[in-house]
Structures are given as structure tokens and as C-alpha cells.
PDB file of N, CA and C in Angstrom:
ATOM      1  N   MET A   1      96.818 116.804  30.160  1.00  0.00           N
ATOM      2  CA  MET A   1      96.457 115.458  29.733  1.00  0.00           C
ATOM      3  C   MET A   1      95.474 115.576  29.517  1.00  0.00           C
ATOM      4  N   TYR A   2      95.327 114.275  28.720  1.00  0.00           N
ATOM      5  CA  TYR A   2      93.774 114.551  28.061  1.00  0.00           C
ATOM      6  C   TYR A   2      93.408 112.537  28.682  1.00  0.00           C
ATOM      7  N   VAL A   3      91.787 112.595  29.022  1.00  0.00           N
ATOM      8  CA  VAL A   3      91.624 111.407  29.602  1.00  0.00           C
ATOM      9  C   VAL A   3      90.384 111.123  28.689  1.00  0.00           C
ATOM     10  N   SER A   4      90.271 110.119  28.293  1.00  0.00           N
ATOM     11  CA  SER A   4      89.558 110.127  27.217  1.00  0.00           C
ATOM     12  C   SER A   4      88.192 109.753  28.203  1.00  0.00           C
ATOM     13  N   GLY A   5      87.424 109.605  27.276  1.00  0.00           N
ATOM     14  CA  GLY A   5      85.237 109.651  28.092  1.00  0.00           C
ATOM     15  C   GLY A   5      85.213 107.953  28.601  1.00  0.00           C
ATOM     16  N   VAL A   6      85.894 107.213  27.624  1.00  0.00           N
ATOM     17  CA  VAL A   6      85.640 106.011  27.516  1.00  0.00           C
ATOM     18  C   VAL A   6      86.796 105.453  29.386  1.00  0.00           C
ATOM     19  N   THR A   7      87.619 106.020  29.435  1.00  0.00           N
ATOM     20  CA  THR A   7      88.313 105.388  30.657  1.00  0.00           C
ATOM     21  C   THR A   7      87.699 106.255  31.589  1.00  0.00           C
ATOM     22  N   LEU A   8      87.170 107.392  32.096  1.00  0.00           N
ATOM     23  CA  LEU A   8      86.665 107.500  32.678  1.00  0.00           C
ATOM     24  C   LEU A   8      84.982 106.762  33.163  1.00  0.00           C
ATOM     25  N   ALA A   9      84.249 106.395  31.837  1.00  0.00           N
ATOM     26  CA  ALA A   9      82.981 105.807  32.498  1.00  0.00           C
ATOM     27  C   ALA A   9      83.792 103.867  32.752  1.00  0.00           C
ATOM     28  N   TYR A  10      84.770 103.876  32.354  1.00  0.00           N
ATOM     29  CA  TYR A  10      85.598 102.089  33.473  1.00  0.00           C
ATOM     30  C   TYR A  10      85.611 102.501  33.942  1.00  0.00           C
ATOM     31  N   ILE A  11      86.457 103.971  34.478  1.00  0.00           N
ATOM     32  CA  ILE A  11      86.691 104.367  36.161  1.00  0.00           C
ATOM     33  C   ILE A  11      85.541 103.374  37.080  1.00  0.00           C
ATOM     34  N   ALA A  12      84.487 104.956  36.378  1.00  0.00           N
ATOM     35  CA  ALA A  12      83.141 104.774  37.137  1.00  0.00           C
ATOM     36  C   ALA A  12      82.401 103.610  37.578  1.00  0.00           C
ATOM     37  N   LEU A  13      82.437 102.902  36.287  1.00  0.00           N
ATOM     38  CA  LEU A  13      81.819 102.064  36.635  1.00  0.00           C
ATOM     39  C   LEU A  13      82.109 100.879  37.958  1.00  0.00           C
ATOM     40  N   ASN A  14      83.844 100.458  37.570  1.00  0.00           N
ATOM     41  CA  ASN A  14      84.067 100.667  38.234  1.00  0.00           C
ATOM     42  C   ASN A  14      83.714 100.601  40.119  1.00  0.00           C
ATOM     43  N   ILE A  15      84.196 101.043  40.229  1.00  0.00           N
ATOM     44  CA  ILE A  15      83.589 102.400  41.495  1.00  0.00           C
ATOM     45  C   ILE A  15      82.322 102.076  42.366  1.00  0.00           C
ATOM     46  N   CYS A  16      81.462 102.231  41.146  1.00  0.00           N
ATOM     47  CA  CYS A  16      79.600 102.015  40.815  1.00  0.00           C
ATOM     48  C   CYS A  16      79.331 100.122  41.381  1.00  0.00           C
ATOM     49  N   LEU A  17      80.618  99.374  40.470  1.00  0.00           N
ATOM     50  CA  LEU A  17      80.350  98.022  40.905  1.00  0.00           C
ATOM     51  C   LEU A  17      81.329  97.180  42.941  1.00  0.00           C
ATOM     52  N   ILE A  18      82.493  98.216  42.711  1.00  0.00           N
ATOM     53  CA  ILE A  18      83.228  97.556  43.883  1.00  0.00           C
ATOM     54  C   ILE A  18      83.009  98.319  45.048  1.00  0.00           C
ATOM     55  N   LEU A  19      82.145  99.514  45.073  1.00  0.00           N
ATOM     56  CA  LEU A  19      81.884 100.200  46.311  1.00  0.00           C
ATOM     57  C   LEU A  19      80.627  99.170  47.282  1.00  0.00           C
ATOM     58  N   PRO A  20      79.603  98.410  46.568  1.00  0.00           N
ATOM     59  CA  PRO A  20      78.680  98.361  47.597  1.00  0.00           C
ATOM     60  C   PRO A  20      79.502  96.825  47.908  1.00  0.00           C
ATOM     61  N   THR A  21      80.310  96.600  47.667  1.00  0.00           N
ATOM     62  CA  THR A  21      81.236  94.902  48.218  1.00  0.00           C
ATOM     63  C   THR A  21      81.483  95.525  49.134  1.00  0.00           C
ATOM     64  N   LEU A  22      82.396  96.549  49.591  1.00  0.00           N
ATOM     65  CA  LEU A  22      83.362  97.278  49.904  1.00  0.00           C
ATOM     66  C   LEU A  22      82.387  97.251  51.790  1.00  0.00           C
ATOM     67  N   LEU A  23      81.094  98.155  51.306  1.00  0.00           N
ATOM     68  CA  LEU A  23      80.446  98.618  52.009  1.00  0.00           C
ATOM     69  C   LEU A  23      79.796  97.795  52.804  1.00  0.00           C
ATOM     70  N   HIS A  24      79.949  96.944  52.085  1.00  0.00           N
ATOM     71  CA  HIS A  24      78.948  95.361  52.872  1.00  0.00           C
ATOM     72  C   HIS A  24      80.273  94.547  53.948  1.00  0.00           C
ATOM     73  N   HIS A  25      80.545  94.141  53.274  1.00  0.00           N
ATOM     74  CA  HIS A  25      82.801  93.776  53.861  1.00  0.00           C
ATOM     75  C   HIS A  25      82.874  94.550  54.675  1.00  0.00           C
ATOM     76  N   ARG A  26      82.298  95.749  54.885  1.00  0.00           N
ATOM     77  CA  ARG A  26      82.930  96.585  56.522  1.00  0.00           C
ATOM     78  C   ARG A  26      84.641  97.077  56.330  1.00  0.00           C
ATOM     79  N   VAL A  27      85.231  96.143  54.648  1.00  0.00           N
ATOM     80  CA  VAL A  27      86.201  96.589  54.012  1.00  0.00           C
ATOM     81  C   VAL A  27      86.441  98.721  54.719  1.00  0.00           C
ATOM     82  N   ILE A  28      86.423  99.243  54.404  1.00  0.00           N
ATOM     83  CA  ILE A  28      85.939 100.865  54.155  1.00  0.00           C
ATOM     84  C   ILE A  28      86.198 101.347  56.471  1.00  0.00           C
ATOM     85  N   SER A  29      85.580 100.078  56.884  1.00  0.00           N
ATOM     86  CA  SER A  29      85.436 100.423  58.325  1.00  0.00           C
ATOM     87  C   SER A  29      86.333 100.129  59.432  1.00  0.00           C
ATOM     88  N   ARG A  30      86.716  98.776  58.566  1.00  0.00           N
ATOM     89  CA  ARG A  30      88.205  97.848  59.006  1.00  0.00           C
ATOM     90  C   ARG A  30      89.575  98.700  59.302  1.00  0.00           C
ATOM     91  N   VAL A  31      89.581  98.732  57.308  1.00  0.00           N
ATOM     92  CA  VAL A  31      91.193 100.239  57.442  1.00  0.00           C
ATOM     93  C   VAL A  31      90.654 101.060  57.919  1.00  0.00           C
ATOM     94  N   TRP A  32      89.627 101.944  58.163  1.00  0.00           N
ATOM     95  CA  TRP A  32      89.507 102.910  59.177  1.00  0.00           C
ATOM     96  C   TRP A  32      89.890 102.530  60.659  1.00  0.00           C
ATOM     97  N   ASN A  33      89.538 101.516  61.261  1.00  0.00           N
ATOM     98  CA  ASN A  33      89.804 100.981  62.933  1.00  0.00           C
ATOM     99  C   ASN A  33      90.986 100.763  62.725  1.00  0.00           C
ATOM    100  N   LEU A  34      91.841  99.781  61.778  1.00  0.00           N
ATOM    101  CA  LEU A  34      93.172 100.106  61.842  1.00  0.00           C
ATOM    102  C   LEU A  34      94.196 101.262  61.530  1.00  0.00           C
ATOM    103  N   ILE A  35      93.341 101.794  61.266  1.00  0.00           N
ATOM    104  CA  ILE A  35      94.386 103.601  60.766  1.00  0.00           C
ATOM    105  C   ILE A  35      94.244 104.933  61.793  1.00  0.00           C
ATOM    106  N   ARG A  36      93.387 104.080  62.411  1.00  0.00           N
ATOM    107  CA  ARG A  36      92.466 105.413  63.643  1.00  0.00           C
ATOM    108  C   ARG A  36      93.799 105.658  64.933  1.00  0.00           C
ATOM    109  N   PRO A  37      94.011 104.128  65.321  1.00  0.00           N
ATOM    110  CA  PRO A  37      94.913 104.284  66.233  1.00  0.00           C
ATOM    111  C   PRO A  37      96.405 104.662  65.886  1.00  0.00           C
ATOM    112  N   ILE A  38      96.750 104.328  64.627  1.00  0.00           N
ATOM    113  CA  ILE A  38      98.347 104.707  64.546  1.00  0.00           C
ATOM    114  C   ILE A  38      98.044 106.653  64.325  1.00  0.00           C
ATOM    115  N   LEU A  39      96.899 107.134  63.688  1.00  0.00           N
ATOM    116  CA  LEU A  39      96.967 108.358  63.421  1.00  0.00           C
ATOM    117  C   LEU A  39      96.740 109.488  64.395  1.00  0.00           C
ATOM    118  N   THR A  40      95.872 108.766  65.148  1.00  0.00           N
ATOM    119  CA  THR A  40      95.805 109.031  66.995  1.00  0.00           C
ATOM    120  C   THR A  40      97.318 109.723  67.387  1.00  0.00           C
ATOM    121  N   ARG A  41      97.973 108.655  67.575  1.00  0.00           N
ATOM    122  CA  ARG A  41      99.610 108.201  68.212  1.00  0.00           C
ATOM    123  C   ARG A  41     100.187 109.127  67.586  1.00  0.00           C
ATOM    124  N   ILE A  42     100.358 109.570  66.469  1.00  0.00           N
ATOM    125  CA  ILE A  42     101.154 110.907  65.403  1.00  0.00           C
ATOM    126  C   ILE A  42     100.389 111.863  66.365  1.00  0.00           C
ATOM    127  N   GLU A  43      98.950 111.812  65.707  1.00  0.00           N
ATOM    128  CA  GLU A  43      98.260 113.391  66.594  1.00  0.00           C
ATOM    129  C   GLU A  43      98.544 114.028  68.221  1.00  0.00           C
ATOM    130  N   ALA A  44      99.155 112.864  69.349  1.00  0.00           N
ATOM    131  CA  ALA A  44      99.551 113.106  70.561  1.00  0.00           C
ATOM    132  C   ALA A  44     100.266 113.131  70.527  1.00  0.00           C
ATOM    133  N   GLU A  45     101.386 112.650  69.663  1.00  0.00           N
ATOM    134  CA  GLU A  45     103.058 113.479  69.063  1.00  0.00           C
ATOM    135  C   GLU A  45     103.631 114.460  69.102  1.00  0.00           C
ATOM    136  N   PHE A  46     102.574 114.771  68.053  1.00  0.00           N
ATOM    137  CA  PHE A  46     102.421 116.697  67.324  1.00  0.00           C
ATOM    138  C   PHE A  46     102.274 117.276  68.543  1.00  0.00           C
ATOM    139  N   ASP A  47     100.639 117.015  69.436  1.00  0.00           N
ATOM    140  CA  ASP A  47     100.170 117.911  70.652  1.00  0.00           C
ATOM    141  C   ASP A  47     101.467 117.848  71.656  1.00  0.00           C
ATOM    142  N   LYS A  48     102.454 116.713  71.807  1.00  0.00           N
ATOM    143  CA  LYS A  48     103.454 116.755  72.810  1.00  0.00           C
ATOM    144  C   LYS A  48     104.151 117.873  72.961  1.00  0.00           C
ATOM    145  N   ASN A  49     105.105 117.482  71.383  1.00  0.00           N
ATOM    146  CA  ASN A  49     106.276 118.661  71.346  1.00  0.00           C
ATOM    147  C   ASN A  49     105.548 119.587  70.098  1.00  0.00           C
ATOM    148  N   PRO A  50     104.850 120.526  70.199  1.00  0.00           N
ATOM    149  CA  PRO A  50     104.975 121.193  69.312  1.00  0.00           C
ATOM    150  C   PRO A  50     105.570 121.563  68.078  1.00  0.00           C
ATOM    151  N   LEU A  51     105.625 122.446  67.299  1.00  0.00           N
ATOM    152  CA  LEU A  51     106.900 122.751  66.489  1.00  0.00           C
ATOM    153  C   LEU A  51     106.642 124.076  66.226  1.00  0.00           C
ATOM    154  N   GLU A  52     105.989 124.822  66.671  1.00  0.00           N
ATOM    155  CA  GLU A  52     105.897 126.337  67.077  1.00  0.00           C
ATOM    156  C   GLU A  52     104.382 126.684  67.737  1.00  0.00           C
ATOM    157  N   SER A  53     104.304 127.765  68.535  1.00  0.00           N
ATOM    158  CA  SER A  53     103.473 128.055  69.789  1.00  0.00           C
ATOM    159  C   SER A  53     102.263 128.827  68.654  1.00  0.00           C
ATOM    160  N   PRO A  54     101.177 128.630  69.195  1.00  0.00           N
ATOM    161  CA  PRO A  54      99.921 129.281  68.283  1.00  0.00           C
ATOM    162  C   PRO A  54     100.158 130.724  68.087  1.00  0.00           C
ATOM    163  N   GLU A  55     100.560 131.627  69.284  1.00  0.00           N
ATOM    164  CA  GLU A  55     101.475 133.321  68.428  1.00  0.00           C
ATOM    165  C   GLU A  55     102.436 133.421  67.337  1.00  0.00           C
ATOM    166  N   GLU A  56     103.411 132.126  67.416  1.00  0.00           N
ATOM    167  CA  GLU A  56     104.300 132.149  66.338  1.00  0.00           C
ATOM    168  C   GLU A  56     103.983 131.681  65.471  1.00  0.00           C
ATOM    169  N   ARG A  57     102.851 131.090  65.591  1.00  0.00           N
ATOM    170  CA  ARG A  57     102.719 130.438  63.918  1.00  0.00           C
ATOM    171  C   ARG A  57     101.273 132.042  63.226  1.00  0.00           C
ATOM    172  N   ASP A  58     100.899 132.698  64.149  1.00  0.00           N
ATOM    173  CA  ASP A  58     100.095 133.755  63.636  1.00  0.00           C
ATOM    174  C   ASP A  58     101.200 134.672  62.785  1.00  0.00           C
ATOM    175  N   ALA A  59     101.833 135.084  63.696  1.00  0.00           N
ATOM    176  CA  ALA A  59     102.572 135.648  63.387  1.00  0.00           C
ATOM    177  C   ALA A  59     103.181 135.777  61.442  1.00  0.00           C
ATOM    178  N   GLY A  60     103.739 133.915  61.701  1.00  0.00           N
ATOM    179  CA  GLY A  60     104.886 133.747  60.393  1.00  0.00           C
ATOM    180  C   GLY A  60     103.477 133.963  59.149  1.00  0.00           C
ATOM    181  N   GLU A  61     102.154 133.559  60.219  1.00  0.00           N
ATOM    182  CA  GLU A  61     100.723 133.606  58.369  1.00  0.00           C
ATOM    183  C   GLU A  61     100.971 135.337  58.697  1.00  0.00           C
ATOM    184  N   ARG A  62     100.551 136.315  59.324  1.00  0.00           N
ATOM    185  CA  ARG A  62     100.664 137.598  59.117  1.00  0.00           C
ATOM    186  C   ARG A  62     101.865 138.146  58.241  1.00  0.00           C
ATOM    187  N   GLU A  63     103.153 137.605  58.118  1.00  0.00           N
ATOM    188  CA  GLU A  63     104.329 138.041  57.748  1.00  0.00           C
ATOM    189  C   GLU A  63     104.031 137.906  56.585  1.00  0.00           C
ATOM    190  N   LEU A  64     103.720 136.097  55.589  1.00  0.00           N
ATOM    191  CA  LEU A  64     103.484 135.455  54.619  1.00  0.00           C
ATOM    192  C   LEU A  64     102.926 136.221  53.850  1.00  0.00           C
ATOM    193  N   TYR A  65     101.327 136.884  54.431  1.00  0.00           N
ATOM    194  CA  TYR A  65     100.207 137.095  54.051  1.00  0.00           C
ATOM    195  C   TYR A  65      99.410 138.964  54.157  1.00  0.00           C
ATOM    196  N   GLU A  66     100.271 139.241  55.079  1.00  0.00           N
ATOM    197  CA  GLU A  66     100.056 141.474  54.650  1.00  0.00           C
ATOM    198  C   GLU A  66     101.005 141.805  53.477  1.00  0.00           C
ATOM    199  N   PRO A  67     102.057 141.070  52.753  1.00  0.00           N
ATOM    200  CA  PRO A  67     102.210 141.823  51.473  1.00  0.00           C
ATOM    201  C   PRO A  67     100.966 141.624  50.580  1.00  0.00           C
ATOM    202  N   ILE A  68     100.981 139.928  50.314  1.00  0.00           N
ATOM    203  CA  ILE A  68     100.207 140.584  49.357  1.00  0.00           C
ATOM    204  C   ILE A  68      98.619 140.775  49.502  1.00  0.00           C
ATOM    205  N   VAL A  69      98.172 141.012  51.203  1.00  0.00           N
ATOM    206  CA  VAL A  69      96.446 141.550  51.175  1.00  0.00           C
ATOM    207  C   VAL A  69      97.309 143.592  50.459  1.00  0.00           C
ATOM    208  N   ALA A  70      98.542 143.471  51.278  1.00  0.00           N
ATOM    209  CA  ALA A  70      98.598 144.910  50.521  1.00  0.00           C
ATOM    210  C   ALA A  70      98.554 145.423  49.732  1.00  0.00           C
ATOM    211  N   ALA A  71      99.413 144.749  48.453  1.00  0.00           N
ATOM    212  CA  ALA A  71      99.641 144.896  47.157  1.00  0.00           C
ATOM    213  C   ALA A  71      98.039 144.388  46.275  1.00  0.00           C
ATOM    214  N   ALA A  72      97.110 144.329  47.115  1.00  0.00           N
ATOM    215  CA  ALA A  72      96.058 143.519  46.463  1.00  0.00           C
ATOM    216  C   ALA A  72      95.362 145.074  46.984  1.00  0.00           C
ATOM    217  N   ASN A  73      95.512 145.592  47.690  1.00  0.00           N
ATOM    218  CA  ASN A  73      94.729 146.758  47.958  1.00  0.00           C
ATOM    219  C   ASN A  73      95.624 148.251  47.641  1.00  0.00           C
ATOM    220  N   ALA A  74      96.842 147.903  47.275  1.00  0.00           N
ATOM    221  CA  ALA A  74      96.985 149.204  46.718  1.00  0.00           C
ATOM    222  C   ALA A  74      96.816 149.149  45.183  1.00  0.00           C
ATOM    223  N   ALA A  75      95.949 147.690  44.584  1.00  0.00           N
ATOM    224  CA  ALA A  75      96.108 147.406  43.310  1.00  0.00           C
ATOM    225  C   ALA A  75      94.014 148.013  43.554  1.00  0.00           C
ATOM    226  N   ASN A  76      93.374 147.748  44.424  1.00  0.00           N
ATOM    227  CA  ASN A  76      91.758 147.519  44.645  1.00  0.00           C
ATOM    228  C   ASN A  76      91.503 147.929  46.171  1.00  0.00           C
ATOM    229  N   SER A  77      91.441 148.262  47.288  1.00  0.00           N
ATOM    230  CA  SER A  77      91.229 149.011  47.990  1.00  0.00           C
ATOM    231  C   SER A  77      89.252 148.100  48.817  1.00  0.00           C
ATOM    232  N   SER A  78      88.360 148.413  47.273  1.00  0.00           N
ATOM    233  CA  SER A  78      87.653 147.554  48.037  1.00  0.00           C
ATOM    234  C   SER A  78      87.412 145.899  48.296  1.00  0.00           C
ATOM    235  N   VAL A  79      88.818 145.342  47.196  1.00  0.00           N
ATOM    236  CA  VAL A  79      88.437 144.149  47.794  1.00  0.00           C
ATOM    237  C   VAL A  79      88.853 143.605  49.048  1.00  0.00           C
ATOM    238  N   PHE A  80      90.316 144.489  49.694  1.00  0.00           N
ATOM    239  CA  PHE A  80      90.661 144.142  50.567  1.00  0.00           C
ATOM    240  C   PHE A  80      90.438 145.154  51.574  1.00  0.00           C
ATOM    241  N   PRO A  81      89.679 145.832  52.252  1.00  0.00           N
ATOM    242  CA  PRO A  81      89.543 146.407  53.362  1.00  0.00           C
ATOM    243  C   PRO A  81      90.612 146.792  54.597  1.00  0.00           C
ATOM    244  N   ASP A  82      90.996 147.752  55.120  1.00  0.00           N
ATOM    245  CA  ASP A  82      91.953 148.046  56.265  1.00  0.00           C
ATOM    246  C   ASP A  82      91.432 146.672  57.128  1.00  0.00           C
ATOM    247  N   GLY A  83      92.619 146.195  58.036  1.00  0.00           N
ATOM    248  CA  GLY A  83      92.323 145.623  59.080  1.00  0.00           C
ATOM    249  C   GLY A  83      91.432 143.903  58.785  1.00  0.00           C
ATOM    250  N   PHE A  84      91.867 143.879  57.205  1.00  0.00           N
ATOM    251  CA  PHE A  84      91.469 142.628  56.897  1.00  0.00           C
ATOM    252  C   PHE A  84      92.227 141.359  57.487  1.00  0.00           C
ATOM    253  N   LEU A  85      93.496 141.542  58.392  1.00  0.00           N
ATOM    254  CA  LEU A  85      93.782 140.278  58.658  1.00  0.00           C
ATOM    255  C   LEU A  85      93.548 140.365  60.351  1.00  0.00           C
ATOM    256  N   THR A  86      93.288 141.100  60.774  1.00  0.00           N
ATOM    257  CA  THR A  86      92.745 141.428  62.121  1.00  0.00           C
ATOM    258  C   THR A  86      91.027 140.236  62.694  1.00  0.00           C
ATOM    259  N   ASP A  87      91.325 140.123  63.730  1.00  0.00           N
ATOM    260  CA  ASP A  87      90.342 139.656  64.186  1.00  0.00           C
ATOM    261  C   ASP A  87      89.253 140.970  64.303  1.00  0.00           C
ATOM    262  N   ILE A  88      89.612 141.951  64.598  1.00  0.00           N
ATOM    263  CA  ILE A  88      87.887 142.954  64.585  1.00  0.00           C
ATOM    264  C   ILE A  88      86.970 143.182  63.817  1.00  0.00           C
ATOM    265  N   PRO A  89      86.012 143.216  63.712  1.00  0.00           N
ATOM    266  CA  PRO A  89      85.609 143.572  62.343  1.00  0.00           C
ATOM    267  C   PRO A  89      85.147 144.732  62.083  1.00  0.00           C
ATOM    268  N   THR A  90      85.057 144.906  60.779  1.00  0.00           N
ATOM    269  CA  THR A  90      85.520 146.520  60.155  1.00  0.00           C
ATOM    270  C   THR A  90      83.956 146.457  59.979  1.00  0.00           C
ATOM    271  N   LYS A  91      83.840 147.792  60.226  1.00  0.00           N
ATOM    272  CA  LYS A  91      82.693 148.748  59.519  1.00  0.00           C
ATOM    273  C   LYS A  91      82.139 148.569  58.186  1.00  0.00           C
ATOM    274  N   VAL A  92      81.485 148.275  57.368  1.00  0.00           N
ATOM    275  CA  VAL A  92      80.684 147.673  56.248  1.00  0.00           C
ATOM    276  C   VAL A  92      80.471 149.550  55.849  1.00  0.00           C
ATOM    277  N   GLU A  93      81.739 149.130  54.628  1.00  0.00           N
ATOM    278  CA  GLU A  93      81.644 150.797  53.866  1.00  0.00           C
ATOM    279  C   GLU A  93      79.786 151.311  52.349  1.00  0.00           C
ATOM    280  N   SER A  94      79.886 152.597  52.965  1.00  0.00           N
ATOM    281  CA  SER A  94      78.118 153.032  52.761  1.00  0.00           C
ATOM    282  C   SER A  94      78.110 152.552  51.278  1.00  0.00           C
ATOM    283  N   SER A  95      79.635 152.498  50.384  1.00  0.00           N
ATOM    284  CA  SER A  95      79.593 152.483  49.205  1.00  0.00           C
ATOM    285  C   SER A  95      78.866 150.458  48.344  1.00  0.00           C
ATOM    286  N   GLN A  96      79.192 149.872  49.673  1.00  0.00           N
ATOM    287  CA  GLN A  96      78.432 148.568  49.028  1.00  0.00           C
ATOM    288  C   GLN A  96      77.663 149.054  49.176  1.00  0.00           C
ATOM    289  N   LEU A  97      76.599 147.909  47.908  1.00  0.00           N
ATOM    290  CA  LEU A  97      74.891 147.333  48.517  1.00  0.00           C
ATOM    291  C   LEU A  97      74.928 146.585  49.348  1.00  0.00           C
ATOM    292  N   ASP A  98      73.599 147.331  49.301  1.00  0.00           N
ATOM    293  CA  ASP A  98      72.655 146.562  50.546  1.00  0.00           C
ATOM    294  C   ASP A  98      72.541 144.741  49.901  1.00  0.00           C
ATOM    295  N   SER A  99      71.930 143.875  50.923  1.00  0.00           N
ATOM    296  CA  SER A  99      71.560 142.884  50.230  1.00  0.00           C
ATOM    297  C   SER A  99      70.316 142.373  49.386  1.00  0.00           C
ATOM    298  N   GLU A 100      69.519 143.582  49.971  1.00  0.00           N
ATOM    299  CA  GLU A 100      68.341 144.282  49.868  1.00  0.00           C
ATOM    300  C   GLU A 100      68.437 144.847  48.167  1.00  0.00           C
ATOM    301  N   GLU A 101      69.078 145.350  47.861  1.00  0.00           N
ATOM    302  CA  GLU A 101      69.912 146.448  46.158  1.00  0.00           C
ATOM    303  C   GLU A 101      69.639 145.389  45.978  1.00  0.00           C
ATOM    304  N   LEU A 102      70.727 144.178  46.359  1.00  0.00           N
ATOM    305  CA  LEU A 102      71.287 142.844  45.100  1.00  0.00           C
ATOM    306  C   LEU A 102      70.160 141.830  44.940  1.00  0.00           C
ATOM    307  N   ASP A 103      69.287 142.200  45.575  1.00  0.00           N
ATOM    308  CA  ASP A 103      68.370 141.010  45.679  1.00  0.00           C
ATOM    309  C   ASP A 103      67.078 141.999  44.144  1.00  0.00           C
ATOM    310  N   ASN A 104      67.194 143.204  44.515  1.00  0.00           N
ATOM    311  CA  ASN A 104      66.558 143.850  43.296  1.00  0.00           C
ATOM    312  C   ASN A 104      67.156 143.514  41.835  1.00  0.00           C
ATOM    313  N   SER A 105      68.172 144.568  42.248  1.00  0.00           N
ATOM    314  CA  SER A 105      69.178 144.062  40.620  1.00  0.00           C
ATOM    315  C   SER A 105      68.732 143.177  39.951  1.00  0.00           C
ATOM    316  N   GLU A 106      68.986 141.879  41.031  1.00  0.00           N
ATOM    317  CA  GLU A 106      68.697 140.493  40.780  1.00  0.00           C
ATOM    318  C   GLU A 106      67.444 140.052  40.175  1.00  0.00           C
ATOM    319  N   ALA A 107      66.419 140.724  40.062  1.00  0.00           N
ATOM    320  CA  ALA A 107      64.948 140.710  40.174  1.00  0.00           C
ATOM    321  C   ALA A 107      64.862 141.308  38.642  1.00  0.00           C
ATOM    322  N   VAL A 108      65.521 142.463  38.676  1.00  0.00           N
ATOM    323  CA  VAL A 108      65.127 143.628  37.430  1.00  0.00           C
ATOM    324  C   VAL A 108      66.323 142.612  36.408  1.00  0.00           C
ATOM    325  N   PHE A 109      67.376 141.885  36.488  1.00  0.00           N
ATOM    326  CA  PHE A 109      67.988 141.171  35.632  1.00  0.00           C
ATOM    327  C   PHE A 109      66.858 140.250  35.354  1.00  0.00           C
ATOM    328  N   ILE A 110      66.483 139.882  35.869  1.00  0.00           N
ATOM    329  CA  ILE A 110      65.436 138.495  35.976  1.00  0.00           C
ATOM    330  C   ILE A 110      64.381 138.770  34.915  1.00  0.00           C
ATOM    331  N   LYS A 111      63.469 140.115  34.756  1.00  0.00           N
ATOM    332  CA  LYS A 111      62.440 140.469  35.019  1.00  0.00           C
ATOM    333  C   LYS A 111      62.732 140.548  33.423  1.00  0.00           C
ATOM    334  N   GLN A 112      64.331 140.866  32.868  1.00  0.00           N
ATOM    335  CA  GLN A 112      64.170 141.324  31.687  1.00  0.00           C
ATOM    336  C   GLN A 112      63.845 140.640  29.962  1.00  0.00           C
ATOM    337  N   PHE A 113      64.644 138.623  30.777  1.00  0.00           N
ATOM    338  CA  PHE A 113      63.939 137.752  29.939  1.00  0.00           C
ATOM    339  C   PHE A 113      63.023 137.055  29.729  1.00  0.00           C
ATOM    340  N   GLY A 114      62.359 137.673  31.009  1.00  0.00           N
ATOM    341  CA  GLY A 114      60.477 138.021  30.745  1.00  0.00           C
ATOM    342  C   GLY A 114      60.033 138.144  29.557  1.00  0.00           C
ATOM    343  N   ARG A 115      60.757 139.423  29.338  1.00  0.00           N
ATOM    344  CA  ARG A 115      60.207 139.997  28.407  1.00  0.00           C
ATOM    345  C   ARG A 115      59.736 139.643  26.611  1.00  0.00           C
TER     346      ARG A 115
END
């Protein structure tokens, strides 16, 4: 889909011209104050009758993402370490670079352009 630069400039100009008027007349806050009770009622209704428990949601997410992580882990084990989906912190592998090593390598890289 192609959008010309003139169209984008026209949209940006209209936003710049209309936004101060909306802020001055407090249209945005009035609309928010109108919508907020409706959203609060909807949220209260969902809290009253949850579709699933947090445990069911976690199990569903694990069922969805574990095959993806396992496939990526099989392809490149350094991307997703073992226990990626668990809440238990994993040890940093010794093959990973230290932050100081990264800073030094970045400094060396930048110094190459200064020559």
C-alpha cells in the first residue's frame, strides 16, 4: 500500500491544527470521562466471572510457547537457554560475553573509524 508524502503531510498538518483546539476545549478528557465508567463496568464484569484461572492461563501459554522455544532451542541453544519459560533464574553461561567485554569491543570498533 502506497501513501504519498502529500497525504502524510496533510494528515500531520490537520493533527497539528486540530489537537490544540481539542486540548483547549478539553474534548479528550470529556470523552475519557464518558468512556471510563463503561470500561470500569466491563472490567468489573470480567473480574466477577473470569474465563479461566491464572493457573489455566499459564498452562495454556506454556502449551503454546514450549514447542516454539524447543524448536528454536534445537536450532540454536544459545538463543533460548534451558528453563527459559520457568520463573527460576538461570546461570549465565561462561561462553557469553561480559558487559565489560562488550564495552571494550565497542570502543575498539569505534576507534577503527578514528584512524
